[in-house]
Amino acid sequence: MNYKNKNLEELGKKINNLNNQNKPDIKKKESGAGFGFKISTEIIAALVVGVGIGLIVDNYFNTKPIGLIIFFIFGALAGFLNVYRVMRRIEKQR
């Protein structure tokens, strides 16, 4: 039993030594395609949610185009707000 504890302690020391080694500071730069995909996903997701809510509101209150139009506009505004937030976050990282 003492032998097992000694081996575990040695293994723990080796793991700590590996974790404490100086690693080069590599900053992950986002590629142009990845950035474009992130922005387009933000806008599309907000529009899909807005249109979905608009359709549900129209079916519930029987107001066919009004809810869809209003929530489409809200979705578009939310999408552009999300894009603005992502841009500000990226700007702060530089």
N, C-alpha and C. Protein backbone atom coordinates (compact mmCIF):
# COMPACT_ATOMS: atom_id res chain seq x y z
N MET A 1 0.83 -1.19 0.00
CA MET A 1 0.00 0.00 0.00
C MET A 1 0.87 1.25 0.00
N ASN A 2 1.94 1.24 0.74
CA ASN A 2 2.86 2.36 0.79
C ASN A 2 3.49 2.59 -0.57
N TYR A 3 3.76 1.50 -1.28
CA TYR A 3 4.35 1.58 -2.62
C TYR A 3 3.42 2.31 -3.59
N LYS A 4 2.11 2.04 -3.49
CA LYS A 4 1.13 2.69 -4.37
C LYS A 4 1.05 4.19 -4.09
N ASN A 5 1.06 4.55 -2.81
CA ASN A 5 0.99 5.97 -2.45
C ASN A 5 2.22 6.71 -2.95
N LYS A 6 3.38 6.07 -2.86
CA LYS A 6 4.61 6.69 -3.32
C LYS A 6 4.56 6.92 -4.83
N ASN A 7 4.06 5.93 -5.57
CA ASN A 7 3.94 6.06 -7.02
C ASN A 7 2.94 7.17 -7.38
N LEU A 8 1.86 7.26 -6.65
CA LEU A 8 0.87 8.31 -6.92
C LEU A 8 1.44 9.69 -6.64
N GLU A 9 2.23 9.80 -5.57
CA GLU A 9 2.85 11.08 -5.26
C GLU A 9 3.84 11.48 -6.34
N GLU A 10 4.62 10.52 -6.83
CA GLU A 10 5.58 10.81 -7.90
C GLU A 10 4.85 11.24 -9.17
N LEU A 11 3.77 10.55 -9.47
CA LEU A 11 2.97 10.90 -10.65
C LEU A 11 2.39 12.29 -10.50
N GLY A 12 1.90 12.63 -9.31
CA GLY A 12 1.35 13.95 -9.06
C GLY A 12 2.41 15.03 -9.23
N LYS A 13 3.62 14.77 -8.78
CA LYS A 13 4.71 15.74 -8.93
C LYS A 13 5.05 15.94 -10.41
N LYS A 14 5.09 14.84 -11.16
CA LYS A 14 5.39 14.95 -12.58
C LYS A 14 4.32 15.76 -13.31
N ILE A 15 3.07 15.53 -12.96
CA ILE A 15 1.97 16.28 -13.60
C ILE A 15 2.08 17.76 -13.25
N ASN A 16 2.37 18.07 -12.00
CA ASN A 16 2.53 19.48 -11.60
C ASN A 16 3.69 20.14 -12.32
N ASN A 17 4.80 19.40 -12.49
CA ASN A 17 5.94 19.96 -13.21
C ASN A 17 5.58 20.25 -14.66
N LEU A 18 4.82 19.35 -15.28
CA LEU A 18 4.42 19.58 -16.66
C LEU A 18 3.46 20.77 -16.79
N ASN A 19 2.57 20.91 -15.83
CA ASN A 19 1.61 22.02 -15.86
C ASN A 19 2.29 23.36 -15.59
N ASN A 20 3.35 23.36 -14.80
CA ASN A 20 4.01 24.61 -14.42
C ASN A 20 5.07 25.07 -15.41
N GLN A 21 5.34 24.29 -16.43
CA GLN A 21 6.34 24.70 -17.41
C GLN A 21 5.86 25.94 -18.13
N ASN A 22 6.81 26.78 -18.50
CA ASN A 22 6.47 28.01 -19.23
C ASN A 22 6.02 27.65 -20.63
N LYS A 23 4.80 27.98 -20.92
CA LYS A 23 4.25 27.74 -22.25
C LYS A 23 4.22 29.06 -23.00
N PRO A 24 4.52 29.03 -24.28
CA PRO A 24 4.44 30.28 -25.04
C PRO A 24 3.02 30.80 -25.08
N ASP A 25 2.89 32.11 -24.96
CA ASP A 25 1.57 32.75 -24.97
C ASP A 25 1.09 32.85 -26.40
N ILE A 26 0.21 31.96 -26.76
CA ILE A 26 -0.31 31.93 -28.13
C ILE A 26 -1.73 32.49 -28.10
N LYS A 27 -1.92 33.60 -28.77
CA LYS A 27 -3.26 34.17 -28.87
C LYS A 27 -3.91 33.63 -30.12
N LYS A 28 -5.10 33.14 -29.94
CA LYS A 28 -5.83 32.58 -31.06
C LYS A 28 -6.45 33.72 -31.86
N LYS A 29 -5.99 33.84 -33.08
CA LYS A 29 -6.58 34.85 -33.95
C LYS A 29 -7.69 34.18 -34.75
N GLU A 30 -8.77 34.89 -34.83
CA GLU A 30 -9.93 34.36 -35.52
C GLU A 30 -9.79 34.60 -37.02
N SER A 31 -10.04 33.59 -37.79
CA SER A 31 -9.94 33.74 -39.23
C SER A 31 -11.12 34.56 -39.75
N GLY A 32 -10.97 35.07 -40.95
CA GLY A 32 -12.04 35.88 -41.54
C GLY A 32 -13.31 35.09 -41.75
N ALA A 33 -13.15 33.83 -42.17
CA ALA A 33 -14.33 32.99 -42.38
C ALA A 33 -15.04 32.70 -41.06
N GLY A 34 -14.27 32.44 -40.00
CA GLY A 34 -14.87 32.17 -38.69
C GLY A 34 -15.60 33.39 -38.15
N PHE A 35 -15.00 34.56 -38.36
CA PHE A 35 -15.63 35.80 -37.91
C PHE A 35 -16.93 36.05 -38.67
N GLY A 36 -16.89 35.87 -39.99
CA GLY A 36 -18.10 36.05 -40.80
C GLY A 36 -19.19 35.07 -40.42
N PHE A 37 -18.79 33.83 -40.13
CA PHE A 37 -19.78 32.82 -39.72
C PHE A 37 -20.42 33.20 -38.40
N LYS A 38 -19.62 33.71 -37.47
CA LYS A 38 -20.16 34.12 -36.17
C LYS A 38 -21.15 35.27 -36.33
N ILE A 39 -20.81 36.26 -37.13
CA ILE A 39 -21.69 37.41 -37.33
C ILE A 39 -22.99 36.99 -38.02
N SER A 40 -22.86 36.18 -39.08
CA SER A 40 -24.08 35.76 -39.79
C SER A 40 -24.96 34.88 -38.90
N THR A 41 -24.36 34.07 -38.06
CA THR A 41 -25.14 33.24 -37.15
C THR A 41 -25.91 34.09 -36.15
N GLU A 42 -25.27 35.15 -35.65
CA GLU A 42 -25.96 36.05 -34.72
C GLU A 42 -27.20 36.67 -35.36
N ILE A 43 -27.05 37.15 -36.57
CA ILE A 43 -28.17 37.82 -37.24
C ILE A 43 -29.27 36.82 -37.59
N ILE A 44 -28.90 35.68 -38.15
CA ILE A 44 -29.90 34.69 -38.57
C ILE A 44 -30.66 34.13 -37.38
N ALA A 45 -29.95 33.85 -36.28
CA ALA A 45 -30.62 33.31 -35.09
C ALA A 45 -31.63 34.30 -34.54
N ALA A 46 -31.26 35.58 -34.49
CA ALA A 46 -32.19 36.58 -33.97
C ALA A 46 -33.41 36.72 -34.88
N LEU A 47 -33.19 36.66 -36.19
CA LEU A 47 -34.32 36.76 -37.12
C LEU A 47 -35.24 35.55 -37.01
N VAL A 48 -34.67 34.36 -36.87
CA VAL A 48 -35.50 33.15 -36.75
C VAL A 48 -36.34 33.20 -35.49
N VAL A 49 -35.76 33.64 -34.40
CA VAL A 49 -36.51 33.74 -33.14
C VAL A 49 -37.61 34.79 -33.27
N GLY A 50 -37.29 35.94 -33.88
CA GLY A 50 -38.30 36.99 -34.07
C GLY A 50 -39.45 36.53 -34.94
N VAL A 51 -39.14 35.86 -36.05
CA VAL A 51 -40.20 35.37 -36.94
C VAL A 51 -41.03 34.30 -36.24
N GLY A 52 -40.37 33.41 -35.49
CA GLY A 52 -41.10 32.37 -34.76
C GLY A 52 -42.07 32.96 -33.75
N ILE A 53 -41.61 33.94 -32.99
CA ILE A 53 -42.49 34.59 -32.02
C ILE A 53 -43.62 35.31 -32.74
N GLY A 54 -43.30 35.95 -33.85
CA GLY A 54 -44.33 36.65 -34.63
C GLY A 54 -45.41 35.72 -35.13
N LEU A 55 -45.01 34.55 -35.62
CA LEU A 55 -46.00 33.58 -36.10
C LEU A 55 -46.86 33.05 -34.96
N ILE A 56 -46.26 32.82 -33.82
CA ILE A 56 -47.03 32.34 -32.66
C ILE A 56 -48.03 33.40 -32.21
N VAL A 57 -47.59 34.66 -32.17
CA VAL A 57 -48.48 35.75 -31.76
C VAL A 57 -49.63 35.88 -32.76
N ASP A 58 -49.31 35.78 -34.06
CA ASP A 58 -50.36 35.88 -35.08
C ASP A 58 -51.38 34.76 -34.96
N ASN A 59 -50.94 33.55 -34.69
CA ASN A 59 -51.88 32.44 -34.55
C ASN A 59 -52.72 32.56 -33.28
N TYR A 60 -52.12 33.07 -32.22
CA TYR A 60 -52.83 33.17 -30.95
C TYR A 60 -53.87 34.28 -30.97
N PHE A 61 -53.50 35.45 -31.50
CA PHE A 61 -54.41 36.60 -31.51
C PHE A 61 -55.15 36.79 -32.83
N ASN A 62 -54.86 35.93 -33.82
CA ASN A 62 -55.50 35.99 -35.14
C ASN A 62 -55.29 37.35 -35.80
N THR A 63 -54.07 37.83 -35.77
CA THR A 63 -53.68 39.07 -36.45
C THR A 63 -52.57 38.71 -37.44
N LYS A 64 -52.97 38.25 -38.62
CA LYS A 64 -52.03 37.58 -39.51
C LYS A 64 -50.73 38.32 -39.80
N PRO A 65 -50.65 39.45 -40.44
CA PRO A 65 -49.29 39.92 -40.77
C PRO A 65 -48.67 40.84 -39.71
N ILE A 66 -49.47 41.37 -38.80
CA ILE A 66 -48.97 42.40 -37.89
C ILE A 66 -47.91 41.87 -36.93
N GLY A 67 -48.17 40.76 -36.27
CA GLY A 67 -47.21 40.20 -35.33
C GLY A 67 -45.92 39.78 -36.02
N LEU A 68 -46.06 39.19 -37.21
CA LEU A 68 -44.88 38.78 -37.95
C LEU A 68 -44.01 39.98 -38.31
N ILE A 69 -44.60 41.03 -38.77
CA ILE A 69 -43.85 42.23 -39.16
C ILE A 69 -43.15 42.85 -37.95
N ILE A 70 -43.91 43.01 -36.86
CA ILE A 70 -43.35 43.65 -35.67
C ILE A 70 -42.20 42.83 -35.09
N PHE A 71 -42.39 41.52 -34.95
CA PHE A 71 -41.34 40.70 -34.35
C PHE A 71 -40.18 40.44 -35.32
N PHE A 72 -40.42 40.54 -36.63
CA PHE A 72 -39.31 40.48 -37.57
C PHE A 72 -38.40 41.70 -37.37
N ILE A 73 -39.02 42.86 -37.19
CA ILE A 73 -38.24 44.08 -36.95
C ILE A 73 -37.49 43.97 -35.62
N PHE A 74 -38.16 43.48 -34.57
CA PHE A 74 -37.49 43.30 -33.29
C PHE A 74 -36.32 42.31 -33.41
N GLY A 75 -36.53 41.24 -34.17
CA GLY A 75 -35.47 40.25 -34.38
C GLY A 75 -34.28 40.85 -35.11
N ALA A 76 -34.56 41.67 -36.13
CA ALA A 76 -33.48 42.32 -36.87
C ALA A 76 -32.71 43.27 -35.96
N LEU A 77 -33.41 44.03 -35.16
CA LEU A 77 -32.74 44.94 -34.22
C LEU A 77 -31.90 44.17 -33.20
N ALA A 78 -32.44 43.08 -32.70
CA ALA A 78 -31.70 42.26 -31.74
C ALA A 78 -30.45 41.66 -32.39
N GLY A 79 -30.58 41.23 -33.65
CA GLY A 79 -29.43 40.68 -34.36
C GLY A 79 -28.33 41.70 -34.54
N PHE A 80 -28.68 42.91 -34.94
CA PHE A 80 -27.68 43.94 -35.12
C PHE A 80 -27.08 44.39 -33.78
N LEU A 81 -27.88 44.36 -32.73
CA LEU A 81 -27.35 44.67 -31.40
C LEU A 81 -26.33 43.62 -30.97
N ASN A 82 -26.62 42.35 -31.25
CA ASN A 82 -25.67 41.28 -30.92
C ASN A 82 -24.38 41.43 -31.71
N VAL A 83 -24.50 41.79 -32.99
CA VAL A 83 -23.30 42.00 -33.81
C VAL A 83 -22.49 43.16 -33.24
N TYR A 84 -23.14 44.21 -32.82
CA TYR A 84 -22.46 45.36 -32.23
C TYR A 84 -21.70 44.94 -30.96
N ARG A 85 -22.34 44.11 -30.13
CA ARG A 85 -21.69 43.64 -28.91
C ARG A 85 -20.47 42.78 -29.22
N VAL A 86 -20.59 41.91 -30.22
CA VAL A 86 -19.45 41.07 -30.61
C VAL A 86 -18.31 41.94 -31.12
N MET A 87 -18.62 42.95 -31.91
CA MET A 87 -17.59 43.84 -32.44
C MET A 87 -16.90 44.59 -31.31
N ARG A 88 -17.65 45.06 -30.33
CA ARG A 88 -17.03 45.76 -29.19
C ARG A 88 -16.14 44.84 -28.38
N ARG A 89 -16.57 43.58 -28.19
CA ARG A 89 -15.76 42.62 -27.44
C ARG A 89 -14.45 42.35 -28.17
N ILE A 90 -14.51 42.20 -29.48
CA ILE A 90 -13.30 41.96 -30.27
C ILE A 90 -12.40 43.20 -30.23
N GLU A 91 -12.99 44.37 -30.29
CA GLU A 91 -12.21 45.60 -30.25
C GLU A 91 -11.47 45.74 -28.93
N LYS A 92 -12.08 45.32 -27.82
CA LYS A 92 -11.43 45.42 -26.51
C LYS A 92 -10.27 44.43 -26.39
N GLN A 93 -10.34 43.30 -27.10
CA GLN A 93 -9.29 42.30 -27.02
C GLN A 93 -8.03 42.75 -27.74
N ARG A 94 -8.11 43.66 -28.65
CA ARG A 94 -6.93 44.09 -29.43
C ARG A 94 -6.14 45.10 -28.73
